[in-house]
Amino acid sequence: MARRGKPVAKLDAVILLLEAGDPLPAHFKDHALTGSWKGFRDLHIEPDWILIYAVDQDEVILTRTGTHADLFR
């Protein structure tokens, strides 16, 4: 996403929040995914910049990041 001019510092900040294990602020619109993405969650770093991730006990697994079009074609 850095090649698209997205501020990587925002991604870094979200990763720190996820690692802390605390509930995320509502503006990230964090929610569980369904269908082929069942077991994963997504959150909005920016309105059209999404992070897909999973939490396995005390481990955060970062899966994909990109726009809606990139991730859900």
PDB file of N, CA and C in Angstrom:
ATOM      1  N   MET A   1       0.823  -1.191   0.000  1.00  0.00           N
ATOM      2  CA  MET A   1       0.000   0.000   0.000  1.00  0.00           C
ATOM      3  C   MET A   1       0.864   1.251   0.000  1.00  0.00           C
ATOM      4  N   ALA A   2       2.106   1.125   0.409  1.00  0.00           N
ATOM      5  CA  ALA A   2       2.995   2.288   0.385  1.00  0.00           C
ATOM      6  C   ALA A   2       3.165   2.798  -1.039  1.00  0.00           C
ATOM      7  N   ARG A   3       3.158   1.876  -2.008  1.00  0.00           N
ATOM      8  CA  ARG A   3       3.276   2.296  -3.412  1.00  0.00           C
ATOM      9  C   ARG A   3       2.068   3.106  -3.860  1.00  0.00           C
ATOM     10  N   ARG A   4       0.962   2.937  -3.184  1.00  0.00           N
ATOM     11  CA  ARG A   4      -0.252   3.694  -3.514  1.00  0.00           C
ATOM     12  C   ARG A   4      -0.354   4.983  -2.713  1.00  0.00           C
ATOM     13  N   GLY A   5       0.682   5.291  -1.960  1.00  0.00           N
ATOM     14  CA  GLY A   5       0.685   6.526  -1.188  1.00  0.00           C
ATOM     15  C   GLY A   5      -0.039   6.438   0.140  1.00  0.00           C
ATOM     16  N   LYS A   6      -0.332   5.230   0.583  1.00  0.00           N
ATOM     17  CA  LYS A   6      -1.006   5.064   1.876  1.00  0.00           C
ATOM     18  C   LYS A   6       0.020   5.194   3.000  1.00  0.00           C
ATOM     19  N   PRO A   7      -0.339   5.851   4.080  1.00  0.00           N
ATOM     20  CA  PRO A   7       0.598   6.024   5.198  1.00  0.00           C
ATOM     21  C   PRO A   7       0.763   4.720   5.990  1.00  0.00           C
ATOM     22  N   VAL A   8       1.896   4.080   5.824  1.00  0.00           N
ATOM     23  CA  VAL A   8       2.158   2.805   6.478  1.00  0.00           C
ATOM     24  C   VAL A   8       2.124   2.947   7.999  1.00  0.00           C
ATOM     25  N   ALA A   9       2.366   4.140   8.504  1.00  0.00           N
ATOM     26  CA  ALA A   9       2.300   4.365   9.955  1.00  0.00           C
ATOM     27  C   ALA A   9       0.905   4.039  10.496  1.00  0.00           C
ATOM     28  N   LYS A  10      -0.144   4.248   9.696  1.00  0.00           N
ATOM     29  CA  LYS A  10      -1.502   3.896  10.140  1.00  0.00           C
ATOM     30  C   LYS A  10      -1.639   2.385  10.304  1.00  0.00           C
ATOM     31  N   LEU A  11      -1.059   1.634   9.371  1.00  0.00           N
ATOM     32  CA  LEU A  11      -1.081   0.176   9.479  1.00  0.00           C
ATOM     33  C   LEU A  11      -0.311  -0.266  10.719  1.00  0.00           C
ATOM     34  N   ASP A  12       0.843   0.317  10.936  1.00  0.00           N
ATOM     35  CA  ASP A  12       1.646  -0.013  12.120  1.00  0.00           C
ATOM     36  C   ASP A  12       0.859   0.242  13.407  1.00  0.00           C
ATOM     37  N   ALA A  13       0.140   1.355  13.461  1.00  0.00           N
ATOM     38  CA  ALA A  13      -0.640   1.695  14.654  1.00  0.00           C
ATOM     39  C   ALA A  13      -1.754   0.674  14.893  1.00  0.00           C
ATOM     40  N   VAL A  14      -2.415   0.239  13.813  1.00  0.00           N
ATOM     41  CA  VAL A  14      -3.479  -0.761  13.943  1.00  0.00           C
ATOM     42  C   VAL A  14      -2.901  -2.085  14.437  1.00  0.00           C
ATOM     43  N   ILE A  15      -1.745  -2.458  13.918  1.00  0.00           N
ATOM     44  CA  ILE A  15      -1.109  -3.705  14.352  1.00  0.00           C
ATOM     45  C   ILE A  15      -0.819  -3.661  15.851  1.00  0.00           C
ATOM     46  N   LEU A  16      -0.343  -2.541  16.337  1.00  0.00           N
ATOM     47  CA  LEU A  16      -0.087  -2.406  17.776  1.00  0.00           C
ATOM     48  C   LEU A  16      -1.374  -2.560  18.586  1.00  0.00           C
ATOM     49  N   LEU A  17      -2.471  -1.981  18.092  1.00  0.00           N
ATOM     50  CA  LEU A  17      -3.758  -2.126  18.783  1.00  0.00           C
ATOM     51  C   LEU A  17      -4.200  -3.588  18.810  1.00  0.00           C
ATOM     52  N   LEU A  18      -4.049  -4.276  17.675  1.00  0.00           N
ATOM     53  CA  LEU A  18      -4.430  -5.686  17.615  1.00  0.00           C
ATOM     54  C   LEU A  18      -3.581  -6.528  18.565  1.00  0.00           C
ATOM     55  N   GLU A  19      -2.294  -6.248  18.603  1.00  0.00           N
ATOM     56  CA  GLU A  19      -1.402  -6.993  19.496  1.00  0.00           C
ATOM     57  C   GLU A  19      -1.759  -6.782  20.963  1.00  0.00           C
ATOM     58  N   ALA A  20      -2.260  -5.599  21.295  1.00  0.00           N
ATOM     59  CA  ALA A  20      -2.645  -5.309  22.679  1.00  0.00           C
ATOM     60  C   ALA A  20      -3.867  -6.122  23.104  1.00  0.00           C
ATOM     61  N   GLY A  21      -4.683  -6.544  22.131  1.00  0.00           N
ATOM     62  CA  GLY A  21      -5.843  -7.366  22.437  1.00  0.00           C
ATOM     63  C   GLY A  21      -7.042  -6.620  22.972  1.00  0.00           C
ATOM     64  N   ASP A  22      -6.978  -5.306  22.993  1.00  0.00           N
ATOM     65  CA  ASP A  22      -8.101  -4.506  23.476  1.00  0.00           C
ATOM     66  C   ASP A  22      -9.122  -4.316  22.358  1.00  0.00           C
ATOM     67  N   PRO A  23     -10.377  -4.010  22.702  1.00  0.00           N
ATOM     68  CA  PRO A  23     -11.369  -3.713  21.669  1.00  0.00           C
ATOM     69  C   PRO A  23     -10.915  -2.519  20.819  1.00  0.00           C
ATOM     70  N   LEU A  24     -11.177  -2.614  19.527  1.00  0.00           N
ATOM     71  CA  LEU A  24     -10.777  -1.538  18.621  1.00  0.00           C
ATOM     72  C   LEU A  24     -11.802  -0.412  18.646  1.00  0.00           C
ATOM     73  N   PRO A  25     -11.369   0.827  18.452  1.00  0.00           N
ATOM     74  CA  PRO A  25     -12.316   1.935  18.338  1.00  0.00           C
ATOM     75  C   PRO A  25     -13.300   1.683  17.186  1.00  0.00           C
ATOM     76  N   ALA A  26     -14.518   2.167  17.344  1.00  0.00           N
ATOM     77  CA  ALA A  26     -15.593   1.908  16.380  1.00  0.00           C
ATOM     78  C   ALA A  26     -15.270   2.381  14.971  1.00  0.00           C
ATOM     79  N   HIS A  27     -14.451   3.432  14.818  1.00  0.00           N
ATOM     80  CA  HIS A  27     -14.203   3.961  13.472  1.00  0.00           C
ATOM     81  C   HIS A  27     -13.449   2.976  12.574  1.00  0.00           C
ATOM     82  N   PHE A  28     -12.887   1.908  13.142  1.00  0.00           N
ATOM     83  CA  PHE A  28     -12.225   0.890  12.317  1.00  0.00           C
ATOM     84  C   PHE A  28     -13.224  -0.087  11.696  1.00  0.00           C
ATOM     85  N   LYS A  29     -14.476  -0.068  12.150  1.00  0.00           N
ATOM     86  CA  LYS A  29     -15.537  -0.935  11.618  1.00  0.00           C
ATOM     87  C   LYS A  29     -15.115  -2.403  11.588  1.00  0.00           C
ATOM     88  N   ASP A  30     -14.478  -2.842  12.641  1.00  0.00           N
ATOM     89  CA  ASP A  30     -14.005  -4.223  12.759  1.00  0.00           C
ATOM     90  C   ASP A  30     -15.188  -5.177  12.789  1.00  0.00           C
ATOM     91  N   HIS A  31     -15.142  -6.234  11.977  1.00  0.00           N
ATOM     92  CA  HIS A  31     -16.224  -7.208  11.977  1.00  0.00           C
ATOM     93  C   HIS A  31     -15.746  -8.556  11.442  1.00  0.00           C
ATOM     94  N   ALA A  32     -16.483  -9.589  11.827  1.00  0.00           N
ATOM     95  CA  ALA A  32     -16.198 -10.944  11.362  1.00  0.00           C
ATOM     96  C   ALA A  32     -16.635 -11.082   9.911  1.00  0.00           C
ATOM     97  N   LEU A  33     -15.897 -11.881   9.169  1.00  0.00           N
ATOM     98  CA  LEU A  33     -16.241 -12.158   7.782  1.00  0.00           C
ATOM     99  C   LEU A  33     -16.978 -13.492   7.699  1.00  0.00           C
ATOM    100  N   THR A  34     -17.653 -13.702   6.580  1.00  0.00           N
ATOM    101  CA  THR A  34     -18.425 -14.924   6.372  1.00  0.00           C
ATOM    102  C   THR A  34     -18.004 -15.570   5.055  1.00  0.00           C
ATOM    103  N   GLY A  35     -18.658 -16.646   4.732  1.00  0.00           N
ATOM    104  CA  GLY A  35     -18.377 -17.328   3.471  1.00  0.00           C
ATOM    105  C   GLY A  35     -16.980 -17.920   3.454  1.00  0.00           C
ATOM    106  N   SER A  36     -16.282 -17.742   2.340  1.00  0.00           N
ATOM    107  CA  SER A  36     -14.938 -18.318   2.215  1.00  0.00           C
ATOM    108  C   SER A  36     -13.935 -17.666   3.160  1.00  0.00           C
ATOM    109  N   TRP A  37     -14.298 -16.529   3.747  1.00  0.00           N
ATOM    110  CA  TRP A  37     -13.428 -15.834   4.705  1.00  0.00           C
ATOM    111  C   TRP A  37     -13.841 -16.103   6.152  1.00  0.00           C
ATOM    112  N   LYS A  38     -14.723 -17.074   6.377  1.00  0.00           N
ATOM    113  CA  LYS A  38     -15.160 -17.386   7.741  1.00  0.00           C
ATOM    114  C   LYS A  38     -13.940 -17.685   8.612  1.00  0.00           C
ATOM    115  N   GLY A  39     -13.938 -17.136   9.824  1.00  0.00           N
ATOM    116  CA  GLY A  39     -12.813 -17.295  10.738  1.00  0.00           C
ATOM    117  C   GLY A  39     -11.856 -16.120  10.706  1.00  0.00           C
ATOM    118  N   PHE A  40     -12.074 -15.219   9.751  1.00  0.00           N
ATOM    119  CA  PHE A  40     -11.253 -14.017   9.631  1.00  0.00           C
ATOM    120  C   PHE A  40     -12.086 -12.796   9.982  1.00  0.00           C
ATOM    121  N   ARG A  41     -11.407 -11.705  10.207  1.00  0.00           N
ATOM    122  CA  ARG A  41     -12.041 -10.422  10.488  1.00  0.00           C
ATOM    123  C   ARG A  41     -11.487  -9.404   9.511  1.00  0.00           C
ATOM    124  N   ASP A  42     -12.217  -8.308   9.337  1.00  0.00           N
ATOM    125  CA  ASP A  42     -11.623  -7.192   8.608  1.00  0.00           C
ATOM    126  C   ASP A  42     -11.898  -5.903   9.342  1.00  0.00           C
ATOM    127  N   LEU A  43     -11.012  -4.962   9.115  1.00  0.00           N
ATOM    128  CA  LEU A  43     -11.167  -3.627   9.681  1.00  0.00           C
ATOM    129  C   LEU A  43     -10.733  -2.622   8.627  1.00  0.00           C
ATOM    130  N   HIS A  44     -11.230  -1.408   8.788  1.00  0.00           N
ATOM    131  CA  HIS A  44     -10.951  -0.343   7.831  1.00  0.00           C
ATOM    132  C   HIS A  44      -9.910   0.601   8.422  1.00  0.00           C
ATOM    133  N   ILE A  45      -8.720   0.566   7.846  1.00  0.00           N
ATOM    134  CA  ILE A  45      -7.670   1.489   8.257  1.00  0.00           C
ATOM    135  C   ILE A  45      -8.040   2.887   7.768  1.00  0.00           C
ATOM    136  N   GLU A  46      -8.555   2.951   6.547  1.00  0.00           N
ATOM    137  CA  GLU A  46      -9.151   4.144   5.937  1.00  0.00           C
ATOM    138  C   GLU A  46     -10.422   3.658   5.254  1.00  0.00           C
ATOM    139  N   PRO A  47     -11.288   4.558   4.764  1.00  0.00           N
ATOM    140  CA  PRO A  47     -12.546   4.104   4.177  1.00  0.00           C
ATOM    141  C   PRO A  47     -12.401   3.015   3.104  1.00  0.00           C
ATOM    142  N   ASP A  48     -11.385   3.075   2.258  1.00  0.00           N
ATOM    143  CA  ASP A  48     -11.201   2.024   1.261  1.00  0.00           C
ATOM    144  C   ASP A  48      -9.814   1.391   1.376  1.00  0.00           C
ATOM    145  N   TRP A  49      -9.370   1.209   2.601  1.00  0.00           N
ATOM    146  CA  TRP A  49      -8.126   0.481   2.876  1.00  0.00           C
ATOM    147  C   TRP A  49      -8.435  -0.490   4.000  1.00  0.00           C
ATOM    148  N   ILE A  50      -8.429  -1.770   3.661  1.00  0.00           N
ATOM    149  CA  ILE A  50      -8.896  -2.817   4.559  1.00  0.00           C
ATOM    150  C   ILE A  50      -7.740  -3.721   4.968  1.00  0.00           C
ATOM    151  N   LEU A  51      -7.805  -4.208   6.184  1.00  0.00           N
ATOM    152  CA  LEU A  51      -6.892  -5.236   6.672  1.00  0.00           C
ATOM    153  C   LEU A  51      -7.724  -6.457   7.029  1.00  0.00           C
ATOM    154  N   ILE A  52      -7.371  -7.606   6.463  1.00  0.00           N
ATOM    155  CA  ILE A  52      -7.993  -8.876   6.835  1.00  0.00           C
ATOM    156  C   ILE A  52      -7.020  -9.589   7.759  1.00  0.00           C
ATOM    157  N   TYR A  53      -7.555 -10.077   8.871  1.00  0.00           N
ATOM    158  CA  TYR A  53      -6.695 -10.719   9.861  1.00  0.00           C
ATOM    159  C   TYR A  53      -7.478 -11.787  10.616  1.00  0.00           C
ATOM    160  N   ALA A  54      -6.762 -12.575  11.382  1.00  0.00           N
ATOM    161  CA  ALA A  54      -7.368 -13.564  12.265  1.00  0.00           C
ATOM    162  C   ALA A  54      -6.639 -13.506  13.598  1.00  0.00           C
ATOM    163  N   VAL A  55      -7.325 -13.936  14.634  1.00  0.00           N
ATOM    164  CA  VAL A  55      -6.714 -14.035  15.960  1.00  0.00           C
ATOM    165  C   VAL A  55      -6.793 -15.498  16.378  1.00  0.00           C
ATOM    166  N   ASP A  56      -5.643 -16.065  16.686  1.00  0.00           N
ATOM    167  CA  ASP A  56      -5.560 -17.459  17.120  1.00  0.00           C
ATOM    168  C   ASP A  56      -4.933 -17.471  18.505  1.00  0.00           C
ATOM    169  N   GLN A  57      -5.768 -17.606  19.518  1.00  0.00           N
ATOM    170  CA  GLN A  57      -5.364 -17.512  20.921  1.00  0.00           C
ATOM    171  C   GLN A  57      -4.669 -16.177  21.161  1.00  0.00           C
ATOM    172  N   ASP A  58      -3.371 -16.155  21.335  1.00  0.00           N
ATOM    173  CA  ASP A  58      -2.685 -14.885  21.600  1.00  0.00           C
ATOM    174  C   ASP A  58      -1.857 -14.420  20.412  1.00  0.00           C
ATOM    175  N   GLU A  59      -2.167 -14.921  19.222  1.00  0.00           N
ATOM    176  CA  GLU A  59      -1.420 -14.577  18.014  1.00  0.00           C
ATOM    177  C   GLU A  59      -2.331 -13.869  17.012  1.00  0.00           C
ATOM    178  N   VAL A  60      -1.862 -12.765  16.459  1.00  0.00           N
ATOM    179  CA  VAL A  60      -2.586 -12.054  15.410  1.00  0.00           C
ATOM    180  C   VAL A  60      -1.959 -12.450  14.082  1.00  0.00           C
ATOM    181  N   ILE A  61      -2.797 -12.917  13.156  1.00  0.00           N
ATOM    182  CA  ILE A  61      -2.319 -13.351  11.847  1.00  0.00           C
ATOM    183  C   ILE A  61      -2.804 -12.342  10.816  1.00  0.00           C
ATOM    184  N   LEU A  62      -1.879 -11.567  10.268  1.00  0.00           N
ATOM    185  CA  LEU A  62      -2.207 -10.580   9.243  1.00  0.00           C
ATOM    186  C   LEU A  62      -2.253 -11.308   7.909  1.00  0.00           C
ATOM    187  N   THR A  63      -3.397 -11.216   7.223  1.00  0.00           N
ATOM    188  CA  THR A  63      -3.604 -12.031   6.035  1.00  0.00           C
ATOM    189  C   THR A  63      -3.474 -11.238   4.745  1.00  0.00           C
ATOM    190  N   ARG A  64      -4.240 -10.172   4.613  1.00  0.00           N
ATOM    191  CA  ARG A  64      -4.192  -9.367   3.389  1.00  0.00           C
ATOM    192  C   ARG A  64      -4.538  -7.931   3.727  1.00  0.00           C
ATOM    193  N   THR A  65      -4.105  -7.031   2.856  1.00  0.00           N
ATOM    194  CA  THR A  65      -4.491  -5.632   2.957  1.00  0.00           C
ATOM    195  C   THR A  65      -4.670  -5.096   1.551  1.00  0.00           C
ATOM    196  N   GLY A  66      -5.586  -4.155   1.405  1.00  0.00           N
ATOM    197  CA  GLY A  66      -5.849  -3.558   0.102  1.00  0.00           C
ATOM    198  C   GLY A  66      -7.200  -2.873   0.101  1.00  0.00           C
ATOM    199  N   THR A  67      -7.658  -2.524  -1.088  1.00  0.00           N
ATOM    200  CA  THR A  67      -8.966  -1.895  -1.241  1.00  0.00           C
ATOM    201  C   THR A  67     -10.045  -2.970  -1.314  1.00  0.00           C
ATOM    202  N   HIS A  68     -11.313  -2.557  -1.250  1.00  0.00           N
ATOM    203  CA  HIS A  68     -12.406  -3.513  -1.435  1.00  0.00           C
ATOM    204  C   HIS A  68     -12.240  -4.252  -2.755  1.00  0.00           C
ATOM    205  N   ALA A  69     -11.941  -3.513  -3.818  1.00  0.00           N
ATOM    206  CA  ALA A  69     -11.798  -4.125  -5.141  1.00  0.00           C
ATOM    207  C   ALA A  69     -10.647  -5.127  -5.169  1.00  0.00           C
ATOM    208  N   ASP A  70      -9.552  -4.814  -4.489  1.00  0.00           N
ATOM    209  CA  ASP A  70      -8.409  -5.734  -4.441  1.00  0.00           C
ATOM    210  C   ASP A  70      -8.773  -7.048  -3.750  1.00  0.00           C
ATOM    211  N   LEU A  71      -9.520  -6.959  -2.677  1.00  0.00           N
ATOM    212  CA  LEU A  71      -9.704  -8.096  -1.785  1.00  0.00           C
ATOM    213  C   LEU A  71     -10.944  -8.928  -2.051  1.00  0.00           C
ATOM    214  N   PHE A  72     -11.992  -8.321  -2.568  1.00  0.00           N
ATOM    215  CA  PHE A  72     -13.273  -9.027  -2.667  1.00  0.00           C
ATOM    216  C   PHE A  72     -13.801  -9.081  -4.092  1.00  0.00           C
ATOM    217  N   ARG A  73     -12.961  -9.423  -5.022  1.00  0.00           N
ATOM    218  CA  ARG A  73     -13.411  -9.577  -6.423  1.00  0.00           C
ATOM    219  C   ARG A  73     -14.086 -10.897  -6.608  1.00  0.00           C
TER     220      ARG A  73
END
